[in-house]
Amino acid sequence: MDVLVLNADLGPLHRVSFRHAVRMLVRRVAEVHEAHPGRLVGSYPAPRVVRLVTYVVTRWRHSRGPGWSRPGVLVRDDRCCAYCGRPASTVDHVLPRSRGGANSWSNTVAACGACNHRKGDRTPAEARMPLRFAPAAPTWAALGI
């Protein structure tokens, strides 16, 4: 069970484990903003959302988008295959890495195992497998971070 962490100005920062949230309460760096009704952890209400006591500067979130990652691609594409729409389990490079394709938001899409295998070391045009959407870099909010 994850707990949402809000900055002192009530802006969302990230999610932490329930255990980490309780430690934040004990250390008094955060306060319970929203709790599970009727549940206690020691003398604290069981937190759903905690708010930091002091404001944390987060310029890095506004300077550029999130860095590329395989789990991030799956989240961005809602774990749906970019070729057929079935549940995706892997990441496919639009321009294969063997041809100079990079690990980037605009060159990777979520794919099911069958489509990834069928496409192989070809571009979508060569494999006659059109993309259902154009891959693009997500925002922090789109990834739910």
N, C-alpha and C. Protein backbone atom coordinates (compact mmCIF):
# COMPACT_ATOMS: atom_id res chain seq x y z
N MET A 1 0.86 -1.17 0.00
CA MET A 1 0.00 0.00 0.00
C MET A 1 0.91 1.23 0.00
N ASP A 2 0.84 2.03 -1.07
CA ASP A 2 1.66 3.23 -1.18
C ASP A 2 0.93 4.43 -0.58
N VAL A 3 1.73 5.41 -0.17
CA VAL A 3 1.20 6.63 0.42
C VAL A 3 1.69 7.80 -0.42
N LEU A 4 0.78 8.70 -0.78
CA LEU A 4 1.12 9.88 -1.56
C LEU A 4 1.77 10.91 -0.65
N VAL A 5 2.88 11.51 -1.12
CA VAL A 5 3.57 12.56 -0.36
C VAL A 5 3.30 13.89 -1.06
N LEU A 6 2.75 14.84 -0.29
CA LEU A 6 2.51 16.19 -0.79
C LEU A 6 3.56 17.12 -0.24
N ASN A 7 3.93 18.12 -1.03
CA ASN A 7 4.84 19.15 -0.55
C ASN A 7 4.07 20.03 0.42
N ALA A 8 4.76 20.95 1.10
CA ALA A 8 4.11 21.83 2.07
C ALA A 8 3.06 22.71 1.41
N ASP A 9 3.20 22.97 0.09
CA ASP A 9 2.21 23.79 -0.64
C ASP A 9 1.10 22.93 -1.24
N LEU A 10 1.03 21.66 -0.84
CA LEU A 10 0.02 20.68 -1.27
C LEU A 10 0.21 20.19 -2.70
N GLY A 11 1.37 20.45 -3.29
CA GLY A 11 1.67 19.90 -4.61
C GLY A 11 2.17 18.47 -4.47
N PRO A 12 1.73 17.56 -5.35
CA PRO A 12 2.17 16.16 -5.23
C PRO A 12 3.66 16.02 -5.55
N LEU A 13 4.35 15.21 -4.75
CA LEU A 13 5.78 14.96 -4.98
C LEU A 13 6.02 13.56 -5.53
N HIS A 14 5.65 12.54 -4.76
CA HIS A 14 5.88 11.16 -5.16
C HIS A 14 5.11 10.23 -4.23
N ARG A 15 5.31 8.94 -4.41
CA ARG A 15 4.69 7.95 -3.53
C ARG A 15 5.79 7.21 -2.77
N VAL A 16 5.47 6.85 -1.55
CA VAL A 16 6.41 6.08 -0.73
C VAL A 16 5.66 4.89 -0.14
N SER A 17 6.40 3.94 0.39
CA SER A 17 5.77 2.79 1.03
C SER A 17 5.08 3.23 2.32
N PHE A 18 4.15 2.44 2.77
CA PHE A 18 3.44 2.73 4.02
C PHE A 18 4.42 2.84 5.17
N ARG A 19 5.37 1.93 5.20
CA ARG A 19 6.38 1.92 6.27
C ARG A 19 7.21 3.21 6.27
N HIS A 20 7.60 3.66 5.06
CA HIS A 20 8.39 4.89 4.96
C HIS A 20 7.55 6.08 5.42
N ALA A 21 6.28 6.10 5.08
CA ALA A 21 5.40 7.20 5.50
C ALA A 21 5.30 7.27 7.02
N VAL A 22 5.19 6.11 7.67
CA VAL A 22 5.11 6.09 9.14
C VAL A 22 6.41 6.62 9.72
N ARG A 23 7.55 6.24 9.12
CA ARG A 23 8.84 6.77 9.60
C ARG A 23 8.89 8.30 9.47
N MET A 24 8.33 8.82 8.37
CA MET A 24 8.29 10.28 8.18
C MET A 24 7.46 10.95 9.27
N LEU A 25 6.36 10.29 9.67
CA LEU A 25 5.52 10.84 10.74
C LEU A 25 6.26 10.84 12.07
N VAL A 26 6.94 9.74 12.37
CA VAL A 26 7.67 9.62 13.63
C VAL A 26 8.79 10.65 13.70
N ARG A 27 9.49 10.88 12.58
CA ARG A 27 10.57 11.86 12.53
C ARG A 27 10.05 13.30 12.46
N ARG A 28 8.73 13.44 12.29
CA ARG A 28 8.05 14.74 12.23
C ARG A 28 8.46 15.59 11.04
N VAL A 29 8.79 14.93 9.93
CA VAL A 29 9.04 15.66 8.69
C VAL A 29 7.76 15.74 7.87
N ALA A 30 6.74 14.98 8.28
CA ALA A 30 5.46 15.00 7.58
C ALA A 30 4.32 14.87 8.58
N GLU A 31 3.14 15.31 8.13
CA GLU A 31 1.92 15.19 8.92
C GLU A 31 0.89 14.45 8.10
N VAL A 32 -0.04 13.80 8.78
CA VAL A 32 -1.11 13.08 8.07
C VAL A 32 -2.04 14.11 7.44
N HIS A 33 -2.23 14.02 6.15
CA HIS A 33 -3.15 14.91 5.44
C HIS A 33 -4.49 14.21 5.22
N GLU A 34 -4.42 12.91 4.93
CA GLU A 34 -5.63 12.09 4.76
C GLU A 34 -5.31 10.71 5.32
N ALA A 35 -6.25 10.15 6.08
CA ALA A 35 -6.00 8.86 6.75
C ALA A 35 -7.06 7.84 6.39
N HIS A 36 -6.71 6.56 6.60
CA HIS A 36 -7.69 5.48 6.48
C HIS A 36 -8.62 5.60 7.69
N PRO A 37 -9.93 5.61 7.48
CA PRO A 37 -10.85 5.78 8.62
C PRO A 37 -10.76 4.61 9.60
N GLY A 38 -10.63 4.96 10.87
CA GLY A 38 -10.66 3.95 11.93
C GLY A 38 -9.41 3.12 12.11
N ARG A 39 -8.34 3.37 11.33
CA ARG A 39 -7.12 2.58 11.47
C ARG A 39 -6.04 3.42 12.13
N LEU A 40 -5.33 2.82 13.06
CA LEU A 40 -4.24 3.50 13.76
C LEU A 40 -2.95 2.71 13.62
N VAL A 41 -1.84 3.42 13.60
CA VAL A 41 -0.51 2.83 13.66
C VAL A 41 0.14 3.48 14.87
N GLY A 42 0.13 2.78 15.99
CA GLY A 42 0.58 3.38 17.24
C GLY A 42 -0.39 4.48 17.61
N SER A 43 0.12 5.68 17.77
CA SER A 43 -0.75 6.82 18.10
C SER A 43 -1.12 7.64 16.87
N TYR A 44 -0.66 7.20 15.68
CA TYR A 44 -0.92 7.94 14.44
C TYR A 44 -2.06 7.30 13.65
N PRO A 45 -2.90 8.13 13.01
CA PRO A 45 -3.87 7.54 12.08
C PRO A 45 -3.12 6.95 10.89
N ALA A 46 -3.58 5.83 10.34
CA ALA A 46 -2.92 5.18 9.21
C ALA A 46 -3.01 6.10 7.98
N PRO A 47 -1.88 6.58 7.47
CA PRO A 47 -1.92 7.60 6.42
C PRO A 47 -2.22 7.05 5.03
N ARG A 48 -3.01 7.79 4.28
CA ARG A 48 -3.19 7.59 2.85
C ARG A 48 -2.36 8.63 2.11
N VAL A 49 -2.38 9.86 2.68
CA VAL A 49 -1.65 11.00 2.11
C VAL A 49 -0.95 11.71 3.26
N VAL A 50 0.35 12.02 3.08
CA VAL A 50 1.08 12.81 4.07
C VAL A 50 1.55 14.10 3.42
N ARG A 51 1.68 15.15 4.24
CA ARG A 51 2.14 16.45 3.76
C ARG A 51 3.42 16.81 4.50
N LEU A 52 4.43 17.22 3.74
CA LEU A 52 5.70 17.61 4.36
C LEU A 52 5.51 18.86 5.20
N VAL A 53 6.25 18.96 6.28
CA VAL A 53 6.16 20.11 7.17
C VAL A 53 6.85 21.32 6.55
N THR A 54 7.98 21.11 5.89
CA THR A 54 8.70 22.21 5.23
C THR A 54 8.69 22.00 3.73
N TYR A 55 8.70 23.09 3.00
CA TYR A 55 8.65 23.06 1.54
C TYR A 55 9.95 22.51 0.96
N VAL A 56 9.85 21.64 -0.03
CA VAL A 56 11.01 21.08 -0.72
C VAL A 56 11.03 21.63 -2.13
N VAL A 57 12.15 22.24 -2.53
CA VAL A 57 12.28 22.82 -3.86
C VAL A 57 12.42 21.68 -4.87
N THR A 58 11.63 21.72 -5.93
CA THR A 58 11.62 20.64 -6.92
C THR A 58 11.82 21.19 -8.33
N ARG A 59 12.78 22.06 -8.51
CA ARG A 59 13.03 22.64 -9.83
C ARG A 59 13.33 21.57 -10.87
N TRP A 60 13.97 20.47 -10.47
CA TRP A 60 14.33 19.43 -11.42
C TRP A 60 13.11 18.86 -12.13
N ARG A 61 11.94 18.90 -11.52
CA ARG A 61 10.73 18.37 -12.16
C ARG A 61 10.22 19.31 -13.23
N HIS A 62 10.57 20.60 -13.15
CA HIS A 62 10.07 21.57 -14.11
C HIS A 62 11.08 21.87 -15.21
N SER A 63 12.32 21.51 -15.00
CA SER A 63 13.35 21.83 -15.97
C SER A 63 13.30 20.93 -17.19
N ARG A 64 12.94 19.67 -17.00
CA ARG A 64 12.84 18.74 -18.12
C ARG A 64 11.96 17.58 -17.68
N GLY A 65 11.56 16.79 -18.64
CA GLY A 65 10.69 15.66 -18.32
C GLY A 65 11.44 14.52 -17.67
N PRO A 66 10.73 13.47 -17.34
CA PRO A 66 11.37 12.31 -16.71
C PRO A 66 12.33 11.61 -17.66
N GLY A 67 13.35 11.00 -17.11
CA GLY A 67 14.31 10.25 -17.91
C GLY A 67 13.69 8.96 -18.43
N TRP A 68 14.22 8.46 -19.54
CA TRP A 68 13.67 7.26 -20.17
C TRP A 68 13.92 6.03 -19.30
N SER A 69 12.94 5.15 -19.26
CA SER A 69 13.10 3.86 -18.59
C SER A 69 12.09 2.88 -19.19
N ARG A 70 12.44 1.60 -19.14
CA ARG A 70 11.52 0.58 -19.65
C ARG A 70 10.19 0.59 -18.89
N PRO A 71 10.21 0.59 -17.54
CA PRO A 71 8.93 0.64 -16.83
C PRO A 71 8.13 1.91 -17.17
N GLY A 72 8.85 3.01 -17.39
CA GLY A 72 8.18 4.26 -17.76
C GLY A 72 7.46 4.16 -19.09
N VAL A 73 8.06 3.46 -20.06
CA VAL A 73 7.42 3.27 -21.37
C VAL A 73 6.14 2.47 -21.20
N LEU A 74 6.18 1.42 -20.39
CA LEU A 74 4.99 0.60 -20.17
C LEU A 74 3.88 1.41 -19.49
N VAL A 75 4.24 2.26 -18.54
CA VAL A 75 3.25 3.11 -17.87
C VAL A 75 2.69 4.13 -18.87
N ARG A 76 3.58 4.77 -19.63
CA ARG A 76 3.14 5.78 -20.61
C ARG A 76 2.12 5.19 -21.58
N ASP A 77 2.34 3.95 -22.03
CA ASP A 77 1.47 3.32 -23.02
C ASP A 77 0.35 2.50 -22.39
N ASP A 78 0.14 2.66 -21.09
CA ASP A 78 -0.91 1.92 -20.36
C ASP A 78 -0.80 0.41 -20.53
N ARG A 79 0.42 -0.08 -20.68
CA ARG A 79 0.68 -1.53 -20.86
C ARG A 79 -0.14 -2.11 -22.00
N CYS A 80 -0.36 -1.29 -23.04
CA CYS A 80 -1.08 -1.73 -24.25
C CYS A 80 -0.09 -1.79 -25.40
N CYS A 81 -0.15 -2.84 -26.17
CA CYS A 81 0.73 -2.99 -27.33
C CYS A 81 0.46 -1.88 -28.34
N ALA A 82 1.51 -1.22 -28.80
CA ALA A 82 1.38 -0.12 -29.75
C ALA A 82 1.02 -0.62 -31.15
N TYR A 83 1.10 -1.93 -31.38
CA TYR A 83 0.82 -2.48 -32.70
C TYR A 83 -0.58 -3.11 -32.77
N CYS A 84 -0.98 -3.87 -31.75
CA CYS A 84 -2.25 -4.59 -31.83
C CYS A 84 -3.24 -4.21 -30.72
N GLY A 85 -2.78 -3.57 -29.66
CA GLY A 85 -3.67 -3.16 -28.58
C GLY A 85 -3.83 -4.17 -27.45
N ARG A 86 -3.24 -5.36 -27.59
CA ARG A 86 -3.33 -6.36 -26.52
C ARG A 86 -2.41 -5.94 -25.36
N PRO A 87 -2.51 -6.62 -24.21
CA PRO A 87 -1.64 -6.29 -23.08
C PRO A 87 -0.16 -6.44 -23.46
N ALA A 88 0.64 -5.44 -23.10
CA ALA A 88 2.06 -5.42 -23.44
C ALA A 88 2.89 -5.94 -22.28
N SER A 89 3.97 -6.64 -22.63
CA SER A 89 4.85 -7.18 -21.60
C SER A 89 6.30 -6.76 -21.81
N THR A 90 6.59 -6.10 -22.92
CA THR A 90 7.97 -5.74 -23.24
C THR A 90 8.01 -4.39 -23.95
N VAL A 91 9.22 -3.91 -24.20
CA VAL A 91 9.42 -2.64 -24.89
C VAL A 91 10.06 -2.92 -26.23
N ASP A 92 9.56 -2.28 -27.29
CA ASP A 92 10.09 -2.45 -28.63
C ASP A 92 10.68 -1.14 -29.12
N HIS A 93 11.80 -1.22 -29.83
CA HIS A 93 12.42 -0.04 -30.43
C HIS A 93 11.85 0.15 -31.83
N VAL A 94 11.28 1.33 -32.10
CA VAL A 94 10.70 1.61 -33.42
C VAL A 94 11.79 1.48 -34.48
N LEU A 95 12.90 2.19 -34.30
CA LEU A 95 14.09 1.98 -35.12
C LEU A 95 14.98 1.06 -34.30
N PRO A 96 15.20 -0.18 -34.76
CA PRO A 96 15.94 -1.16 -33.94
C PRO A 96 17.31 -0.65 -33.50
N ARG A 97 17.74 -1.08 -32.34
CA ARG A 97 19.04 -0.67 -31.80
C ARG A 97 20.17 -1.09 -32.72
N SER A 98 19.99 -2.22 -33.42
CA SER A 98 21.04 -2.69 -34.33
C SER A 98 21.21 -1.73 -35.51
N ARG A 99 20.25 -0.85 -35.73
CA ARG A 99 20.33 0.12 -36.82
C ARG A 99 20.57 1.52 -36.31
N GLY A 100 20.96 1.63 -35.05
CA GLY A 100 21.28 2.95 -34.49
C GLY A 100 20.16 3.57 -33.67
N GLY A 101 19.09 2.84 -33.45
CA GLY A 101 17.99 3.36 -32.64
C GLY A 101 18.40 3.49 -31.18
N ALA A 102 17.93 4.54 -30.56
CA ALA A 102 18.33 4.83 -29.18
C ALA A 102 17.25 4.43 -28.18
N ASN A 103 17.66 4.34 -26.92
CA ASN A 103 16.70 4.18 -25.83
C ASN A 103 16.16 5.57 -25.53
N SER A 104 15.08 5.94 -26.18
CA SER A 104 14.49 7.26 -25.98
C SER A 104 12.98 7.15 -26.01
N TRP A 105 12.31 8.15 -25.46
CA TRP A 105 10.85 8.15 -25.43
C TRP A 105 10.25 8.09 -26.83
N SER A 106 10.89 8.77 -27.79
CA SER A 106 10.31 8.82 -29.14
C SER A 106 10.66 7.60 -29.99
N ASN A 107 11.54 6.72 -29.50
CA ASN A 107 11.93 5.55 -30.28
C ASN A 107 11.48 4.23 -29.65
N THR A 108 10.77 4.27 -28.54
CA THR A 108 10.34 3.04 -27.89
C THR A 108 8.84 3.05 -27.63
N VAL A 109 8.24 1.87 -27.73
CA VAL A 109 6.82 1.69 -27.45
C VAL A 109 6.64 0.39 -26.70
N ALA A 110 5.53 0.27 -25.99
CA ALA A 110 5.18 -0.99 -25.34
C ALA A 110 4.68 -1.95 -26.41
N ALA A 111 5.02 -3.23 -26.27
CA ALA A 111 4.60 -4.23 -27.25
C ALA A 111 4.34 -5.56 -26.56
N CYS A 112 3.44 -6.33 -27.15
CA CYS A 112 3.23 -7.69 -26.65
C CYS A 112 4.35 -8.56 -27.22
N GLY A 113 4.57 -9.69 -26.63
CA GLY A 113 5.65 -10.57 -27.08
C GLY A 113 5.50 -11.00 -28.53
N ALA A 114 4.27 -11.30 -28.96
CA ALA A 114 4.04 -11.76 -30.33
C ALA A 114 4.38 -10.68 -31.35
N CYS A 115 3.94 -9.45 -31.11
CA CYS A 115 4.23 -8.36 -32.06
C CYS A 115 5.72 -8.01 -32.06
N ASN A 116 6.34 -8.03 -30.88
CA ASN A 116 7.77 -7.73 -30.80
C ASN A 116 8.56 -8.77 -31.58
N HIS A 117 8.19 -10.02 -31.46
CA HIS A 117 8.88 -11.09 -32.18
C HIS A 117 8.62 -10.99 -33.69
N ARG A 118 7.38 -10.69 -34.05
CA ARG A 118 7.01 -10.58 -35.47
C ARG A 118 7.74 -9.42 -36.14
N LYS A 119 7.85 -8.30 -35.45
CA LYS A 119 8.52 -7.13 -36.02
C LYS A 119 10.01 -7.38 -36.15
N GLY A 120 10.57 -8.03 -35.15
CA GLY A 120 11.99 -8.39 -35.21
C GLY A 120 12.91 -7.19 -35.38
N ASP A 121 13.84 -7.30 -36.32
CA ASP A 121 14.88 -6.29 -36.54
C ASP A 121 14.50 -5.38 -37.71
N ARG A 122 13.22 -5.04 -37.82
CA ARG A 122 12.75 -4.20 -38.92
C ARG A 122 12.05 -2.97 -38.36
N THR A 123 11.84 -1.98 -39.21
CA THR A 123 11.04 -0.82 -38.83
C THR A 123 9.58 -1.21 -38.96
N PRO A 124 8.67 -0.45 -38.36
CA PRO A 124 7.24 -0.78 -38.51
C PRO A 124 6.79 -0.78 -39.98
N ALA A 125 7.33 0.11 -40.79
CA ALA A 125 6.95 0.15 -42.21
C ALA A 125 7.42 -1.11 -42.93
N GLU A 126 8.64 -1.54 -42.67
CA GLU A 126 9.17 -2.75 -43.30
C GLU A 126 8.39 -3.98 -42.86
N ALA A 127 7.96 -4.01 -41.62
CA ALA A 127 7.22 -5.16 -41.10
C ALA A 127 5.73 -5.06 -41.40
N ARG A 128 5.31 -3.95 -42.00
CA ARG A 128 3.89 -3.67 -42.28
C ARG A 128 3.06 -3.78 -41.01
N MET A 129 3.59 -3.13 -39.98
CA MET A 129 2.93 -3.09 -38.67
C MET A 129 2.84 -1.63 -38.22
N PRO A 130 1.82 -0.90 -38.66
CA PRO A 130 1.73 0.52 -38.29
C PRO A 130 1.52 0.71 -36.79
N LEU A 131 2.08 1.77 -36.27
CA LEU A 131 1.89 2.11 -34.85
C LEU A 131 0.49 2.69 -34.68
N ARG A 132 -0.13 2.39 -33.57
CA ARG A 132 -1.46 2.92 -33.26
C ARG A 132 -1.39 4.35 -32.76
N PHE A 133 -0.22 4.80 -32.35
CA PHE A 133 -0.01 6.18 -31.89
C PHE A 133 1.47 6.51 -32.04
N ALA A 134 1.77 7.79 -32.09
CA ALA A 134 3.16 8.23 -32.21
C ALA A 134 3.76 8.33 -30.80
N PRO A 135 4.89 7.68 -30.54
CA PRO A 135 5.50 7.76 -29.21
C PRO A 135 6.05 9.16 -28.95
N ALA A 136 5.89 9.63 -27.72
CA ALA A 136 6.37 10.95 -27.33
C ALA A 136 6.79 10.92 -25.87
N ALA A 137 7.61 11.89 -25.48
CA ALA A 137 8.06 11.98 -24.10
C ALA A 137 6.89 12.38 -23.21
N PRO A 138 6.66 11.67 -22.11
CA PRO A 138 5.55 12.01 -21.20
C PRO A 138 5.92 13.12 -20.24
N THR A 139 4.92 13.67 -19.59
CA THR A 139 5.16 14.63 -18.51
C THR A 139 5.24 13.85 -17.20
N TRP A 140 5.68 14.53 -16.14
CA TRP A 140 5.71 13.89 -14.83
C TRP A 140 4.31 13.45 -14.41
N ALA A 141 3.32 14.31 -14.69
CA ALA A 141 1.94 14.01 -14.28
C ALA A 141 1.41 12.79 -15.02
N ALA A 142 1.78 12.63 -16.30
CA ALA A 142 1.29 11.50 -17.08
C ALA A 142 1.81 10.18 -16.53
N LEU A 143 2.98 10.19 -15.94
CA LEU A 143 3.53 8.97 -15.36
C LEU A 143 3.03 8.73 -13.94
N GLY A 144 2.31 9.71 -13.39
CA GLY A 144 1.77 9.53 -12.04
C GLY A 144 2.81 9.61 -10.96
N ILE A 145 3.85 10.36 -11.21
CA ILE A 145 4.94 10.46 -10.23
C ILE A 145 4.77 11.75 -9.44
